[in-house]
Amino acid sequence: MAKGLHCCAIKDFVHAKQLFAACLELVTEFSPKLRQVMLNEMLLLDIYTHEAGAGVSGERPPSDLISRVRGYLEMRVPDIPLRQVIAEECVAFLLNWRENEYLTMQVPLPLVQTNPYVKLGQLLAATCKELPGPKESRRTAKDLWEVVVQICSVSNQHKRGNDGRVSLIKHRESTLGIMYRSELLSFIKKLREPLVLTTILSLFVKLHNVREDIVNDIAAEHISIWPSSIPNLQSVDFEAVAVTVKELVSYALTINANNHFWLIIQADIYFATNQYSAALHYYLQAGAVCSDFFNKMVPPDVYTDQVIKRMIKCCSLLNCHTQVRGETGL
């Protein structure tokens, strides 16, 4: 089994399957519990195999695999607890293949209450399922928002120094939420479904924008579904939120480098951090991919008034001017 797990880790799925099959044969006769453990590991292997193979080209998994994933989440075998990594992969798998109906309506309630990945998956699925209906989606979006805000909150402690002064200590990885921020980020990087990625990216962009000292907002799709304020701004680690937004958009663009809305987010991030050359590059790239390299008109929801003003400012600050009919233009 250890050899099989090692093969899984190095993505040698063929040999892993052979080793697991041999192990399953050995334990089947004398230990039902070990047999179930092996079946669980083989399920995880089958998820990895599909996602690295046929799943990359968009081929839906066989219905048998989807049923086994559901069965694992619903499994109640004494002395065999859910292995967190398998539960995490199962939830990501269901989100990637748009099994939103199951996650929102059929997943067992006790599992939602006890497993953070199942809870997060259910909230994401419910929010995506209700889009673009603004009223319905706002209710589910609020629940997802509150969970993520809690994950990104810092726990403060006061410590008295030797000189008698009290100093404030902020713990970046707060235990207030259902999981650590690093765990949330790791989970998101298992997702590939465009609407799911757009939704979680939109949430983090909105969270980034609500801070009081923000000068340049970042734009994103569906941003109006999220709450417009946070009761206690001081509790949120906005530095960590900014880092997370950057990591998420970079990851999203590895999934689809031609998503113009994600490209605009990347451009806005560069603009907000005064990296005007990089910002202009991504604004132009966003326009190019949705206009057949400017052979057609760029849609107005891509080149909004704000985007055009920012492109002009980028050109101005980079001294990229042209002369037209004796007048200075851009």
C-alpha atoms as a PDB file:
ATOM      1  CA  MET A   1       0.000   0.000   0.000  1.00  0.00           C
ATOM      2  CA  ALA A   2       2.860   2.368   0.851  1.00  0.00           C
ATOM      3  CA  LYS A   3       4.359   1.736  -2.594  1.00  0.00           C
ATOM      4  CA  GLY A   4       0.981   2.466  -4.177  1.00  0.00           C
ATOM      5  CA  LEU A   5       0.639   5.745  -2.275  1.00  0.00           C
ATOM      6  CA  HIS A   6       4.145   6.708  -3.398  1.00  0.00           C
ATOM      7  CA  CYS A   7       3.203   5.983  -7.027  1.00  0.00           C
ATOM      8  CA  CYS A   8       0.111   8.185  -6.569  1.00  0.00           C
ATOM      9  CA  ALA A   9       2.279  10.989  -5.216  1.00  0.00           C
ATOM     10  CA  ILE A  10       4.553  10.895  -8.282  1.00  0.00           C
ATOM     11  CA  LYS A  11       1.529  10.521 -10.620  1.00  0.00           C
ATOM     12  CA  ASP A  12       2.452   6.995 -11.726  1.00  0.00           C
ATOM     13  CA  PHE A  13      -1.186   5.960 -11.704  1.00  0.00           C
ATOM     14  CA  VAL A  14      -0.777   2.747 -13.730  1.00  0.00           C
ATOM     15  CA  HIS A  15       1.587   1.132 -11.229  1.00  0.00           C
ATOM     16  CA  ALA A  16      -0.410   2.540  -8.306  1.00  0.00           C
ATOM     17  CA  LYS A  17      -3.527   0.785  -9.612  1.00  0.00           C
ATOM     18  CA  GLN A  18      -1.657  -2.531  -9.924  1.00  0.00           C
ATOM     19  CA  LEU A  19      -0.278  -2.268  -6.389  1.00  0.00           C
ATOM     20  CA  PHE A  20      -3.641  -1.292  -4.894  1.00  0.00           C
ATOM     21  CA  ALA A  21      -5.387  -4.158  -6.720  1.00  0.00           C
ATOM     22  CA  ALA A  22      -2.862  -6.645  -5.315  1.00  0.00           C
ATOM     23  CA  CYS A  23      -3.276  -5.180  -1.836  1.00  0.00           C
ATOM     24  CA  LEU A  24      -7.071  -5.339  -2.100  1.00  0.00           C
ATOM     25  CA  GLU A  25      -6.886  -9.014  -3.027  1.00  0.00           C
ATOM     26  CA  LEU A  26      -4.711  -9.753   0.015  1.00  0.00           C
ATOM     27  CA  VAL A  27      -6.927  -8.033   2.596  1.00  0.00           C
ATOM     28  CA  THR A  28     -10.379  -8.925   1.209  1.00  0.00           C
ATOM     29  CA  GLU A  29     -10.537 -12.361   2.835  1.00  0.00           C
ATOM     30  CA  PHE A  30      -9.535 -11.523   6.396  1.00  0.00           C
ATOM     31  CA  SER A  31     -10.393  -7.846   7.052  1.00  0.00           C
ATOM     32  CA  PRO A  32     -13.552  -6.090   5.813  1.00  0.00           C
ATOM     33  CA  LYS A  33     -12.312  -2.814   7.316  1.00  0.00           C
ATOM     34  CA  LEU A  34      -8.970  -2.951   5.514  1.00  0.00           C
ATOM     35  CA  ARG A  35     -10.851  -3.860   2.353  1.00  0.00           C
ATOM     36  CA  GLN A  36     -12.928  -0.683   2.712  1.00  0.00           C
ATOM     37  CA  VAL A  37      -9.790   1.376   3.338  1.00  0.00           C
ATOM     38  CA  MET A  38      -8.303   0.009   0.106  1.00  0.00           C
ATOM     39  CA  LEU A  39     -11.509   0.716  -1.826  1.00  0.00           C
ATOM     40  CA  ASN A  40     -11.366   4.310  -0.568  1.00  0.00           C
ATOM     41  CA  GLU A  41      -7.769   4.700  -1.739  1.00  0.00           C
ATOM     42  CA  MET A  42      -8.697   3.198  -5.119  1.00  0.00           C
ATOM     43  CA  LEU A  43     -11.496   5.754  -5.429  1.00  0.00           C
ATOM     44  CA  LEU A  44      -9.007   8.563  -4.838  1.00  0.00           C
ATOM     45  CA  LEU A  45      -6.699   7.007  -7.440  1.00  0.00           C
ATOM     46  CA  ASP A  46      -9.545   6.819  -9.977  1.00  0.00           C
ATOM     47  CA  ILE A  47     -10.338  10.502  -9.378  1.00  0.00           C
ATOM     48  CA  TYR A  48      -6.685  11.431  -9.945  1.00  0.00           C
ATOM     49  CA  THR A  49      -6.521   9.243 -13.066  1.00  0.00           C
ATOM     50  CA  HIS A  50      -9.607  10.775 -14.658  1.00  0.00           C
ATOM     51  CA  GLU A  51      -8.703  14.362 -13.785  1.00  0.00           C
ATOM     52  CA  ALA A  52      -5.183  13.953 -15.195  1.00  0.00           C
ATOM     53  CA  GLY A  53      -6.415  12.153 -18.316  1.00  0.00           C
ATOM     54  CA  ALA A  54      -9.839  12.371 -19.951  1.00  0.00           C
ATOM     55  CA  GLY A  55     -10.947  15.139 -17.602  1.00  0.00           C
ATOM     56  CA  VAL A  56      -8.342  17.544 -18.969  1.00  0.00           C
ATOM     57  CA  SER A  57     -10.042  17.489 -22.381  1.00  0.00           C
ATOM     58  CA  GLY A  58     -13.456  18.047 -20.802  1.00  0.00           C
ATOM     59  CA  GLU A  59     -14.734  14.474 -21.007  1.00  0.00           C
ATOM     60  CA  ARG A  60     -17.260  13.838 -18.257  1.00  0.00           C
ATOM     61  CA  PRO A  61     -16.416  11.079 -15.789  1.00  0.00           C
ATOM     62  CA  PRO A  62     -18.367   7.819 -16.054  1.00  0.00           C
ATOM     63  CA  SER A  63     -21.560   7.738 -14.003  1.00  0.00           C
ATOM     64  CA  ASP A  64     -20.099   4.876 -11.957  1.00  0.00           C
ATOM     65  CA  LEU A  65     -17.269   7.105 -10.723  1.00  0.00           C
ATOM     66  CA  ILE A  66     -19.687   9.901  -9.781  1.00  0.00           C
ATOM     67  CA  SER A  67     -21.799   7.358  -7.862  1.00  0.00           C
ATOM     68  CA  ARG A  68     -18.736   6.082  -5.996  1.00  0.00           C
ATOM     69  CA  VAL A  69     -17.748   9.640  -5.066  1.00  0.00           C
ATOM     70  CA  ARG A  70     -21.228  10.278  -3.686  1.00  0.00           C
ATOM     71  CA  GLY A  71     -21.162   6.927  -1.917  1.00  0.00           C
ATOM     72  CA  TYR A  72     -17.892   7.802  -0.202  1.00  0.00           C
ATOM     73  CA  LEU A  73     -19.296  11.057   1.162  1.00  0.00           C
ATOM     74  CA  GLU A  74     -22.374   9.225   2.437  1.00  0.00           C
ATOM     75  CA  MET A  75     -20.426   6.265   3.847  1.00  0.00           C
ATOM     76  CA  ARG A  76     -20.883   5.450   7.521  1.00  0.00           C
ATOM     77  CA  VAL A  77     -18.562   2.587   8.476  1.00  0.00           C
ATOM     78  CA  PRO A  78     -17.653   2.272  12.179  1.00  0.00           C
ATOM     79  CA  ASP A  79     -13.940   2.809  12.925  1.00  0.00           C
ATOM     80  CA  ILE A  80     -13.256   4.083   9.383  1.00  0.00           C
ATOM     81  CA  PRO A  81     -13.441   7.874   9.513  1.00  0.00           C
ATOM     82  CA  LEU A  82     -13.483   9.968   6.344  1.00  0.00           C
ATOM     83  CA  ARG A  83      -9.924  10.678   5.243  1.00  0.00           C
ATOM     84  CA  GLN A  84      -9.776  14.445   4.825  1.00  0.00           C
ATOM     85  CA  VAL A  85      -7.774  14.408   1.593  1.00  0.00           C
ATOM     86  CA  ILE A  86     -10.281  12.031  -0.038  1.00  0.00           C
ATOM     87  CA  ALA A  87     -13.250  14.118   1.117  1.00  0.00           C
ATOM     88  CA  GLU A  88     -11.524  17.249  -0.220  1.00  0.00           C
ATOM     89  CA  GLU A  89     -10.851  15.643  -3.615  1.00  0.00           C
ATOM     90  CA  CYS A  90     -14.418  14.300  -3.793  1.00  0.00           C
ATOM     91  CA  VAL A  91     -15.911  17.761  -3.198  1.00  0.00           C
ATOM     92  CA  ALA A  92     -13.569  19.389  -5.739  1.00  0.00           C
ATOM     93  CA  PHE A  93     -14.449  16.629  -8.219  1.00  0.00           C
ATOM     94  CA  LEU A  94     -18.197  17.228  -7.796  1.00  0.00           C
ATOM     95  CA  LEU A  95     -17.765  20.998  -8.198  1.00  0.00           C
ATOM     96  CA  ASN A  96     -15.612  20.573 -11.303  1.00  0.00           C
ATOM     97  CA  TRP A  97     -18.270  18.402 -12.939  1.00  0.00           C
ATOM     98  CA  ARG A  98     -21.159  20.672 -11.932  1.00  0.00           C
ATOM     99  CA  GLU A  99     -22.854  18.241  -9.560  1.00  0.00           C
ATOM    100  CA  ASN A 100     -24.386  21.272  -7.844  1.00  0.00           C
ATOM    101  CA  GLU A 101     -27.781  19.673  -7.363  1.00  0.00           C
ATOM    102  CA  TYR A 102     -26.263  16.869  -5.310  1.00  0.00           C
ATOM    103  CA  LEU A 103     -24.065  19.172  -3.221  1.00  0.00           C
ATOM    104  CA  THR A 104     -26.923  21.541  -2.416  1.00  0.00           C
ATOM    105  CA  MET A 105     -29.832  19.130  -1.989  1.00  0.00           C
ATOM    106  CA  GLN A 106     -28.642  15.576  -1.348  1.00  0.00           C
ATOM    107  CA  VAL A 107     -25.392  15.595   0.603  1.00  0.00           C
ATOM    108  CA  PRO A 108     -26.068  14.401   4.196  1.00  0.00           C
ATOM    109  CA  LEU A 109     -26.563  17.255   6.686  1.00  0.00           C
ATOM    110  CA  PRO A 110     -24.305  15.725   9.398  1.00  0.00           C
ATOM    111  CA  LEU A 111     -21.463  15.693   6.870  1.00  0.00           C
ATOM    112  CA  VAL A 112     -22.017  19.383   6.052  1.00  0.00           C
ATOM    113  CA  GLN A 113     -21.885  20.168   9.765  1.00  0.00           C
ATOM    114  CA  THR A 114     -18.713  18.186  10.468  1.00  0.00           C
ATOM    115  CA  ASN A 115     -16.596  18.422   7.304  1.00  0.00           C
ATOM    116  CA  PRO A 116     -15.359  21.917   6.324  1.00  0.00           C
ATOM    117  CA  TYR A 117     -14.712  20.996   2.681  1.00  0.00           C
ATOM    118  CA  VAL A 118     -18.224  19.628   2.241  1.00  0.00           C
ATOM    119  CA  LYS A 119     -19.666  22.783   3.828  1.00  0.00           C
ATOM    120  CA  LEU A 120     -17.567  25.017   1.577  1.00  0.00           C
ATOM    121  CA  GLY A 121     -18.489  22.927  -1.471  1.00  0.00           C
ATOM    122  CA  GLN A 122     -22.177  23.148  -0.656  1.00  0.00           C
ATOM    123  CA  LEU A 123     -22.029  26.945  -0.273  1.00  0.00           C
ATOM    124  CA  LEU A 124     -20.094  27.341  -3.535  1.00  0.00           C
ATOM    125  CA  ALA A 125     -22.486  25.031  -5.379  1.00  0.00           C
ATOM    126  CA  ALA A 126     -25.539  26.843  -3.994  1.00  0.00           C
ATOM    127  CA  THR A 127     -24.177  30.261  -4.982  1.00  0.00           C
ATOM    128  CA  CYS A 128     -23.247  29.109  -8.504  1.00  0.00           C
ATOM    129  CA  LYS A 129     -26.591  27.374  -8.924  1.00  0.00           C
ATOM    130  CA  GLU A 130     -28.515  30.581  -8.209  1.00  0.00           C
ATOM    131  CA  LEU A 131     -26.495  32.799 -10.556  1.00  0.00           C
ATOM    132  CA  PRO A 132     -27.391  35.025 -12.301  1.00  0.00           C
ATOM    133  CA  GLY A 133     -30.601  35.472 -10.287  1.00  0.00           C
ATOM    134  CA  PRO A 134     -29.645  38.399  -8.031  1.00  0.00           C
ATOM    135  CA  LYS A 135     -32.180  38.009  -5.218  1.00  0.00           C
ATOM    136  CA  GLU A 136     -31.783  34.277  -4.710  1.00  0.00           C
ATOM    137  CA  SER A 137     -28.019  34.255  -5.139  1.00  0.00           C
ATOM    138  CA  ARG A 138     -27.551  37.038  -2.581  1.00  0.00           C
ATOM    139  CA  ARG A 139     -28.963  34.831   0.174  1.00  0.00           C
ATOM    140  CA  THR A 140     -26.618  31.934  -0.527  1.00  0.00           C
ATOM    141  CA  ALA A 141     -23.760  34.308  -1.362  1.00  0.00           C
ATOM    142  CA  LYS A 142     -24.064  35.927   2.072  1.00  0.00           C
ATOM    143  CA  ASP A 143     -23.512  32.560   3.773  1.00  0.00           C
ATOM    144  CA  LEU A 144     -20.447  31.858   1.618  1.00  0.00           C
ATOM    145  CA  TRP A 145     -19.165  35.395   2.235  1.00  0.00           C
ATOM    146  CA  GLU A 146     -19.408  35.013   6.014  1.00  0.00           C
ATOM    147  CA  VAL A 147     -17.509  31.709   5.954  1.00  0.00           C
ATOM    148  CA  VAL A 148     -14.670  33.169   3.848  1.00  0.00           C
ATOM    149  CA  VAL A 149     -14.487  36.385   5.905  1.00  0.00           C
ATOM    150  CA  GLN A 150     -14.130  34.252   9.028  1.00  0.00           C
ATOM    151  CA  ILE A 151     -11.316  32.259   7.408  1.00  0.00           C
ATOM    152  CA  CYS A 152      -9.535  35.515   6.522  1.00  0.00           C
ATOM    153  CA  SER A 153      -9.991  37.041   9.964  1.00  0.00           C
ATOM    154  CA  VAL A 154      -7.110  37.420  12.385  1.00  0.00           C
ATOM    155  CA  SER A 155      -7.226  36.439  16.013  1.00  0.00           C
ATOM    156  CA  ASN A 156      -5.757  39.193  18.162  1.00  0.00           C
ATOM    157  CA  GLN A 157      -3.953  38.653  21.445  1.00  0.00           C
ATOM    158  CA  HIS A 158      -2.559  41.226  23.833  1.00  0.00           C
ATOM    159  CA  LYS A 159       0.826  40.618  25.409  1.00  0.00           C
ATOM    160  CA  ARG A 160       2.460  42.636  28.172  1.00  0.00           C
ATOM    161  CA  GLY A 161       6.178  43.209  27.629  1.00  0.00           C
ATOM    162  CA  ASN A 162       8.963  43.511  30.205  1.00  0.00           C
ATOM    163  CA  ASP A 163       8.543  47.292  30.192  1.00  0.00           C
ATOM    164  CA  GLY A 164       4.893  46.953  31.162  1.00  0.00           C
ATOM    165  CA  ARG A 165       3.542  48.030  27.778  1.00  0.00           C
ATOM    166  CA  VAL A 166       0.762  46.041  26.153  1.00  0.00           C
ATOM    167  CA  SER A 167       1.304  45.104  22.527  1.00  0.00           C
ATOM    168  CA  LEU A 168      -1.111  43.578  20.033  1.00  0.00           C
ATOM    169  CA  ILE A 169      -0.172  40.293  18.385  1.00  0.00           C
ATOM    170  CA  LYS A 170      -1.988  39.251  15.218  1.00  0.00           C
ATOM    171  CA  HIS A 171      -2.085  35.602  14.238  1.00  0.00           C
ATOM    172  CA  ARG A 172      -2.267  35.349  10.449  1.00  0.00           C
ATOM    173  CA  GLU A 173      -3.562  31.775  10.292  1.00  0.00           C
ATOM    174  CA  SER A 174      -6.675  32.287  12.378  1.00  0.00           C
ATOM    175  CA  THR A 175      -8.468  29.334  13.916  1.00  0.00           C
ATOM    176  CA  LEU A 176     -11.737  31.279  13.866  1.00  0.00           C
ATOM    177  CA  GLY A 177     -12.866  29.854  10.511  1.00  0.00           C
ATOM    178  CA  ILE A 178     -13.806  26.365   9.362  1.00  0.00           C
ATOM    179  CA  MET A 179     -10.295  25.960   7.891  1.00  0.00           C
ATOM    180  CA  TYR A 180      -7.023  27.857   7.554  1.00  0.00           C
ATOM    181  CA  ARG A 181      -6.596  30.313   4.667  1.00  0.00           C
ATOM    182  CA  SER A 182      -3.745  28.173   3.292  1.00  0.00           C
ATOM    183  CA  GLU A 183      -6.093  25.160   3.258  1.00  0.00           C
ATOM    184  CA  LEU A 184      -8.762  27.183   1.455  1.00  0.00           C
ATOM    185  CA  LEU A 185      -6.235  28.297  -1.159  1.00  0.00           C
ATOM    186  CA  SER A 186      -5.004  24.731  -1.618  1.00  0.00           C
ATOM    187  CA  PHE A 187      -8.598  23.549  -2.119  1.00  0.00           C
ATOM    188  CA  ILE A 188      -9.398  26.287  -4.655  1.00  0.00           C
ATOM    189  CA  LYS A 189      -6.359  25.251  -6.692  1.00  0.00           C
ATOM    190  CA  LYS A 190      -8.027  21.867  -7.231  1.00  0.00           C
ATOM    191  CA  LEU A 191     -10.954  23.570  -8.997  1.00  0.00           C
ATOM    192  CA  ARG A 192     -11.243  24.000 -12.760  1.00  0.00           C
ATOM    193  CA  GLU A 193     -14.902  24.801 -13.405  1.00  0.00           C
ATOM    194  CA  PRO A 194     -15.051  28.393 -14.779  1.00  0.00           C
ATOM    195  CA  LEU A 195     -18.164  29.566 -12.906  1.00  0.00           C
ATOM    196  CA  VAL A 196     -16.889  28.190  -9.583  1.00  0.00           C
ATOM    197  CA  LEU A 197     -13.521  29.918 -10.064  1.00  0.00           C
ATOM    198  CA  THR A 198     -15.217  33.146 -11.173  1.00  0.00           C
ATOM    199  CA  THR A 199     -17.461  33.063  -8.088  1.00  0.00           C
ATOM    200  CA  ILE A 200     -14.701  32.563  -5.521  1.00  0.00           C
ATOM    201  CA  LEU A 201     -12.478  35.086  -7.321  1.00  0.00           C
ATOM    202  CA  SER A 202     -15.333  37.603  -7.320  1.00  0.00           C
ATOM    203  CA  LEU A 203     -15.785  37.105  -3.572  1.00  0.00           C
ATOM    204  CA  PHE A 204     -12.113  37.760  -2.818  1.00  0.00           C
ATOM    205  CA  VAL A 205     -12.054  40.809  -5.107  1.00  0.00           C
ATOM    206  CA  LYS A 206     -15.049  42.250  -3.248  1.00  0.00           C
ATOM    207  CA  LEU A 207     -13.395  41.493   0.093  1.00  0.00           C
ATOM    208  CA  HIS A 208     -10.257  43.252  -1.146  1.00  0.00           C
ATOM    209  CA  ASN A 209     -12.314  46.298  -2.186  1.00  0.00           C
ATOM    210  CA  VAL A 210     -14.147  46.845   1.121  1.00  0.00           C
ATOM    211  CA  ARG A 211     -11.058  47.963   3.040  1.00  0.00           C
ATOM    212  CA  GLU A 212     -11.188  51.625   4.017  1.00  0.00           C
ATOM    213  CA  ASP A 213      -7.858  52.735   2.536  1.00  0.00           C
ATOM    214  CA  ILE A 214      -8.438  51.235  -0.914  1.00  0.00           C
ATOM    215  CA  VAL A 215      -7.707  53.732  -3.699  1.00  0.00           C
ATOM    216  CA  ASN A 216      -8.203  51.697  -6.873  1.00  0.00           C
ATOM    217  CA  ASP A 217     -10.986  49.122  -6.886  1.00  0.00           C
ATOM    218  CA  ILE A 218     -10.580  45.861  -8.767  1.00  0.00           C
ATOM    219  CA  ALA A 219     -13.439  44.863 -11.072  1.00  0.00           C
ATOM    220  CA  ALA A 220     -14.956  41.369 -11.261  1.00  0.00           C
ATOM    221  CA  GLU A 221     -18.068  39.585 -12.486  1.00  0.00           C
ATOM    222  CA  HIS A 222     -21.065  39.096 -10.155  1.00  0.00           C
ATOM    223  CA  ILE A 223     -19.508  41.480  -7.631  1.00  0.00           C
ATOM    224  CA  SER A 224     -22.914  42.928  -6.705  1.00  0.00           C
ATOM    225  CA  ILE A 225     -24.111  39.699  -5.045  1.00  0.00           C
ATOM    226  CA  TRP A 226     -21.750  40.095  -2.070  1.00  0.00           C
ATOM    227  CA  PRO A 227     -22.404  42.205   1.043  1.00  0.00           C
ATOM    228  CA  SER A 228     -21.065  45.745   0.722  1.00  0.00           C
ATOM    229  CA  SER A 229     -19.511  46.008   4.178  1.00  0.00           C
ATOM    230  CA  ILE A 230     -18.029  44.094   7.102  1.00  0.00           C
ATOM    231  CA  PRO A 231     -19.051  44.888  10.699  1.00  0.00           C
ATOM    232  CA  ASN A 232     -15.480  44.697  12.023  1.00  0.00           C
ATOM    233  CA  LEU A 233     -12.947  45.714   9.369  1.00  0.00           C
ATOM    234  CA  GLN A 234     -10.049  45.474  11.825  1.00  0.00           C
ATOM    235  CA  SER A 235     -10.610  41.748  12.194  1.00  0.00           C
ATOM    236  CA  VAL A 236      -9.811  40.980   8.539  1.00  0.00           C
ATOM    237  CA  ASP A 237      -6.241  40.395   7.400  1.00  0.00           C
ATOM    238  CA  PHE A 238      -6.411  42.488   4.229  1.00  0.00           C
ATOM    239  CA  GLU A 239      -2.752  41.885   3.396  1.00  0.00           C
ATOM    240  CA  ALA A 240      -3.493  38.171   3.236  1.00  0.00           C
ATOM    241  CA  VAL A 241      -6.615  38.889   1.161  1.00  0.00           C
ATOM    242  CA  ALA A 242      -4.547  40.900  -1.361  1.00  0.00           C
ATOM    243  CA  VAL A 243      -2.010  38.071  -1.627  1.00  0.00           C
ATOM    244  CA  THR A 244      -4.835  35.557  -2.082  1.00  0.00           C
ATOM    245  CA  VAL A 245      -6.441  37.584  -4.898  1.00  0.00           C
ATOM    246  CA  LYS A 246      -3.107  37.652  -6.743  1.00  0.00           C
ATOM    247  CA  GLU A 247      -2.584  33.920  -6.286  1.00  0.00           C
ATOM    248  CA  LEU A 248      -6.133  33.074  -7.348  1.00  0.00           C
ATOM    249  CA  VAL A 249      -6.107  35.118 -10.554  1.00  0.00           C
ATOM    250  CA  SER A 250      -2.678  33.724 -11.478  1.00  0.00           C
ATOM    251  CA  TYR A 251      -4.016  30.209 -10.946  1.00  0.00           C
ATOM    252  CA  ALA A 252      -7.251  30.927 -12.851  1.00  0.00           C
ATOM    253  CA  LEU A 253      -5.252  32.150 -15.856  1.00  0.00           C
ATOM    254  CA  THR A 254      -3.362  28.837 -15.935  1.00  0.00           C
ATOM    255  CA  ILE A 255      -6.758  27.174 -16.401  1.00  0.00           C
ATOM    256  CA  ASN A 256      -7.868  29.607 -19.121  1.00  0.00           C
ATOM    257  CA  ALA A 257      -5.426  32.274 -20.267  1.00  0.00           C
ATOM    258  CA  ASN A 258      -8.077  33.778 -22.578  1.00  0.00           C
ATOM    259  CA  ASN A 259     -10.781  34.585 -20.039  1.00  0.00           C
ATOM    260  CA  HIS A 260     -11.088  38.337 -20.590  1.00  0.00           C
ATOM    261  CA  PHE A 261     -12.704  39.028 -17.215  1.00  0.00           C
ATOM    262  CA  TRP A 262      -9.853  37.290 -15.396  1.00  0.00           C
ATOM    263  CA  LEU A 263      -7.364  39.234 -17.534  1.00  0.00           C
ATOM    264  CA  ILE A 264      -9.050  42.497 -16.494  1.00  0.00           C
ATOM    265  CA  ILE A 265      -8.708  41.479 -12.824  1.00  0.00           C
ATOM    266  CA  GLN A 266      -4.995  40.821 -13.381  1.00  0.00           C
ATOM    267  CA  ALA A 267      -4.653  44.208 -15.103  1.00  0.00           C
ATOM    268  CA  ASP A 268      -6.496  45.986 -12.274  1.00  0.00           C
ATOM    269  CA  ILE A 269      -4.171  44.379  -9.712  1.00  0.00           C
ATOM    270  CA  TYR A 270      -1.131  45.696 -11.580  1.00  0.00           C
ATOM    271  CA  PHE A 271      -2.770  49.110 -11.946  1.00  0.00           C
ATOM    272  CA  ALA A 272      -3.546  49.265  -8.225  1.00  0.00           C
ATOM    273  CA  THR A 273       0.106  48.504  -7.432  1.00  0.00           C
ATOM    274  CA  ASN A 274       1.440  51.143  -9.874  1.00  0.00           C
ATOM    275  CA  GLN A 275       2.805  48.588 -12.349  1.00  0.00           C
ATOM    276  CA  TYR A 276       1.443  50.446 -15.357  1.00  0.00           C
ATOM    277  CA  SER A 277       3.306  48.639 -18.133  1.00  0.00           C
ATOM    278  CA  ALA A 278       2.082  45.235 -16.926  1.00  0.00           C
ATOM    279  CA  ALA A 279      -1.427  46.639 -16.390  1.00  0.00           C
ATOM    280  CA  LEU A 280      -1.594  47.986 -19.943  1.00  0.00           C
ATOM    281  CA  HIS A 281      -0.326  44.647 -21.275  1.00  0.00           C
ATOM    282  CA  TYR A 282      -3.211  42.770 -19.638  1.00  0.00           C
ATOM    283  CA  TYR A 283      -5.836  45.389 -20.564  1.00  0.00           C
ATOM    284  CA  LEU A 284      -4.752  45.035 -24.205  1.00  0.00           C
ATOM    285  CA  GLN A 285      -4.679  41.245 -23.947  1.00  0.00           C
ATOM    286  CA  ALA A 286      -8.229  41.224 -22.553  1.00  0.00           C
ATOM    287  CA  GLY A 287      -9.393  43.355 -25.475  1.00  0.00           C
ATOM    288  CA  ALA A 288      -7.553  41.203 -27.997  1.00  0.00           C
ATOM    289  CA  VAL A 289      -9.002  37.849 -26.909  1.00  0.00           C
ATOM    290  CA  CYS A 290     -12.622  39.017 -27.058  1.00  0.00           C
ATOM    291  CA  SER A 291     -12.370  40.943 -30.352  1.00  0.00           C
ATOM    292  CA  ASP A 292     -10.395  38.580 -32.585  1.00  0.00           C
ATOM    293  CA  PHE A 293      -7.301  40.727 -32.029  1.00  0.00           C
ATOM    294  CA  PHE A 294      -9.254  43.972 -32.489  1.00  0.00           C
ATOM    295  CA  ASN A 295     -10.834  42.945 -35.808  1.00  0.00           C
ATOM    296  CA  LYS A 296     -14.176  43.345 -34.022  1.00  0.00           C
ATOM    297  CA  MET A 297     -15.360  45.848 -31.462  1.00  0.00           C
ATOM    298  CA  VAL A 298     -14.368  45.098 -27.870  1.00  0.00           C
ATOM    299  CA  PRO A 299     -17.595  44.518 -25.874  1.00  0.00           C
ATOM    300  CA  PRO A 300     -18.473  47.470 -23.618  1.00  0.00           C
ATOM    301  CA  ASP A 301     -18.642  45.219 -20.542  1.00  0.00           C
ATOM    302  CA  VAL A 302     -14.928  44.471 -21.094  1.00  0.00           C
ATOM    303  CA  TYR A 303     -13.672  47.938 -21.993  1.00  0.00           C
ATOM    304  CA  THR A 304     -15.787  49.831 -19.487  1.00  0.00           C
ATOM    305  CA  ASP A 305     -15.331  53.557 -18.878  1.00  0.00           C
ATOM    306  CA  GLN A 306     -13.129  52.718 -15.897  1.00  0.00           C
ATOM    307  CA  VAL A 307     -10.901  50.402 -17.946  1.00  0.00           C
ATOM    308  CA  ILE A 308     -10.500  52.984 -20.727  1.00  0.00           C
ATOM    309  CA  LYS A 309      -9.612  55.712 -18.203  1.00  0.00           C
ATOM    310  CA  ARG A 310      -7.042  53.418 -16.615  1.00  0.00           C
ATOM    311  CA  MET A 311      -5.528  52.562 -20.002  1.00  0.00           C
ATOM    312  CA  ILE A 312      -5.228  56.283 -20.758  1.00  0.00           C
ATOM    313  CA  LYS A 313      -3.562  56.870 -17.389  1.00  0.00           C
ATOM    314  CA  CYS A 314      -1.149  53.980 -18.034  1.00  0.00           C
ATOM    315  CA  CYS A 315      -0.188  55.495 -21.394  1.00  0.00           C
ATOM    316  CA  SER A 316       0.231  58.934 -19.860  1.00  0.00           C
ATOM    317  CA  LEU A 317       2.426  57.749 -16.987  1.00  0.00           C
ATOM    318  CA  LEU A 318       4.517  55.636 -19.369  1.00  0.00           C
ATOM    319  CA  ASN A 319       4.895  58.626 -21.740  1.00  0.00           C
ATOM    320  CA  CYS A 320       3.309  56.598 -24.530  1.00  0.00           C
ATOM    321  CA  HIS A 321       1.849  59.484 -26.543  1.00  0.00           C
ATOM    322  CA  THR A 322       1.100  59.897 -30.253  1.00  0.00           C
ATOM    323  CA  GLN A 323       0.700  63.070 -32.288  1.00  0.00           C
ATOM    324  CA  VAL A 324      -2.548  63.348 -34.251  1.00  0.00           C
ATOM    325  CA  ARG A 325      -3.305  66.377 -36.489  1.00  0.00           C
ATOM    326  CA  GLY A 326      -1.191  68.670 -34.420  1.00  0.00           C
ATOM    327  CA  GLU A 327      -2.946  67.700 -31.184  1.00  0.00           C
ATOM    328  CA  THR A 328      -1.581  65.443 -28.498  1.00  0.00           C
ATOM    329  CA  GLY A 329      -3.593  62.229 -28.346  1.00  0.00           C
ATOM    330  CA  LEU A 330      -3.301  58.825 -26.787  1.00  0.00           C
END
